[in-house]
Amino acid sequence: MSKKEDEPLNVDEISREIADVIEEEQRKGKRRRPKDTLEERKKRKLAADGLRAIKAKDARTYGEILRRAGIRENSPEWKNAWKVFYAG
């Protein structure tokens, strides 16, 4: 016998359905990759170092940070980064 959809559920059925949903959501969470990966931490550190160099007006450190970030000298990104440095 199957229940009709318009019949009210009893408390045990609701609890069981809620437990199933919670269990499924927990399993989904275990399969996700951690958000704080090594590469993201590296990017945040470079950005923080760059900001500190701009605030300190330390051109040598800023140039090193740009190189570590993979920005090539005389590229458009390099020139824009230096504009930001000198504008600040």
Protein backbone atom coordinates (compact mmCIF):
# COMPACT_ATOMS: atom_id res chain seq x y z
CA MET A 1 0.00 0.00 0.00
CA SER A 2 1.29 3.42 -0.88
CA LYS A 3 0.37 6.60 0.89
CA LYS A 4 -1.24 9.42 -1.00
CA GLU A 5 0.75 12.61 -1.15
CA ASP A 6 -1.98 14.70 0.46
CA GLU A 7 -2.06 12.53 3.61
CA PRO A 8 -0.14 14.05 6.55
CA LEU A 9 3.13 12.38 7.54
CA ASN A 10 3.56 11.21 11.09
CA VAL A 11 6.44 12.37 13.29
CA ASP A 12 8.54 9.22 12.76
CA GLU A 13 8.36 9.54 8.98
CA ILE A 14 9.33 13.23 9.12
CA SER A 15 12.24 12.48 11.44
CA ARG A 16 13.45 9.69 9.18
CA GLU A 17 13.24 11.94 6.11
CA ILE A 18 15.11 14.72 7.89
CA ALA A 19 17.79 12.27 9.02
CA ASP A 20 18.16 11.04 5.43
CA VAL A 21 18.56 14.57 4.11
CA ILE A 22 21.12 15.44 6.82
CA GLU A 23 23.08 12.26 6.10
CA GLU A 24 23.12 12.99 2.36
CA GLU A 25 24.31 16.56 2.92
CA GLN A 26 27.09 15.34 5.21
CA ARG A 27 28.25 12.87 2.57
CA LYS A 28 28.33 15.65 -0.02
CA GLY A 29 30.48 17.74 2.27
CA LYS A 30 33.05 14.99 2.68
CA ARG A 31 33.50 14.68 -1.09
CA ARG A 32 34.17 18.36 -1.70
CA ARG A 33 37.73 19.56 -2.07
CA PRO A 34 38.98 21.75 0.71
CA LYS A 35 38.64 25.41 -0.22
CA ASP A 36 41.89 26.50 1.36
CA THR A 37 44.35 24.92 -1.03
CA LEU A 38 48.05 25.58 -1.06
CA GLU A 39 47.83 27.62 -4.26
CA GLU A 40 45.11 29.89 -2.84
CA ARG A 41 47.20 30.49 0.29
CA LYS A 42 50.21 31.33 -1.91
CA LYS A 43 48.15 33.87 -3.90
CA ARG A 44 46.82 35.48 -0.71
CA LYS A 45 50.36 35.72 0.69
CA LEU A 46 51.66 37.35 -2.51
CA ALA A 47 48.78 39.83 -2.47
CA ALA A 48 49.38 40.66 1.19
CA ASP A 49 53.13 41.05 0.59
CA GLY A 50 52.45 43.30 -2.40
CA LEU A 51 50.11 45.48 -0.38
CA ARG A 52 52.68 45.80 2.40
CA ALA A 53 55.35 46.77 -0.14
CA ILE A 54 53.05 49.42 -1.65
CA LYS A 55 52.24 50.86 1.77
CA ALA A 56 55.92 50.88 2.75
CA LYS A 57 56.93 52.34 -0.64
CA ASP A 58 59.53 49.60 -0.99
CA ALA A 59 60.21 49.36 -4.74
CA ARG A 60 62.79 46.58 -4.50
CA THR A 61 60.45 44.28 -2.55
CA TYR A 62 57.56 45.14 -4.85
CA GLY A 63 59.60 44.18 -7.92
CA GLU A 64 60.57 40.86 -6.33
CA ILE A 65 56.93 40.15 -5.50
CA LEU A 66 55.90 40.85 -9.08
CA ARG A 67 58.56 38.44 -10.35
CA ARG A 68 57.45 35.73 -7.87
CA ALA A 69 53.89 36.23 -9.07
CA GLY A 70 55.07 35.40 -12.60
CA ILE A 71 54.74 38.87 -14.07
CA ARG A 72 57.43 39.49 -16.69
CA GLU A 73 59.33 42.74 -16.84
CA ASN A 74 58.13 45.20 -19.50
CA SER A 75 54.84 43.32 -19.98
CA PRO A 76 51.59 45.31 -19.83
CA GLU A 77 50.84 43.75 -16.43
CA TRP A 78 54.28 44.83 -15.16
CA LYS A 79 53.71 48.41 -16.31
CA ASN A 80 50.21 48.53 -14.79
CA ALA A 81 51.50 47.14 -11.50
CA TRP A 82 54.12 49.88 -11.31
CA LYS A 83 51.48 52.52 -12.09
CA VAL A 84 49.52 51.25 -9.11
CA PHE A 85 52.65 51.29 -6.97
CA TYR A 86 53.51 54.89 -7.81
CA ALA A 87 49.88 56.07 -7.63
CA GLY A 88 49.53 54.85 -4.03
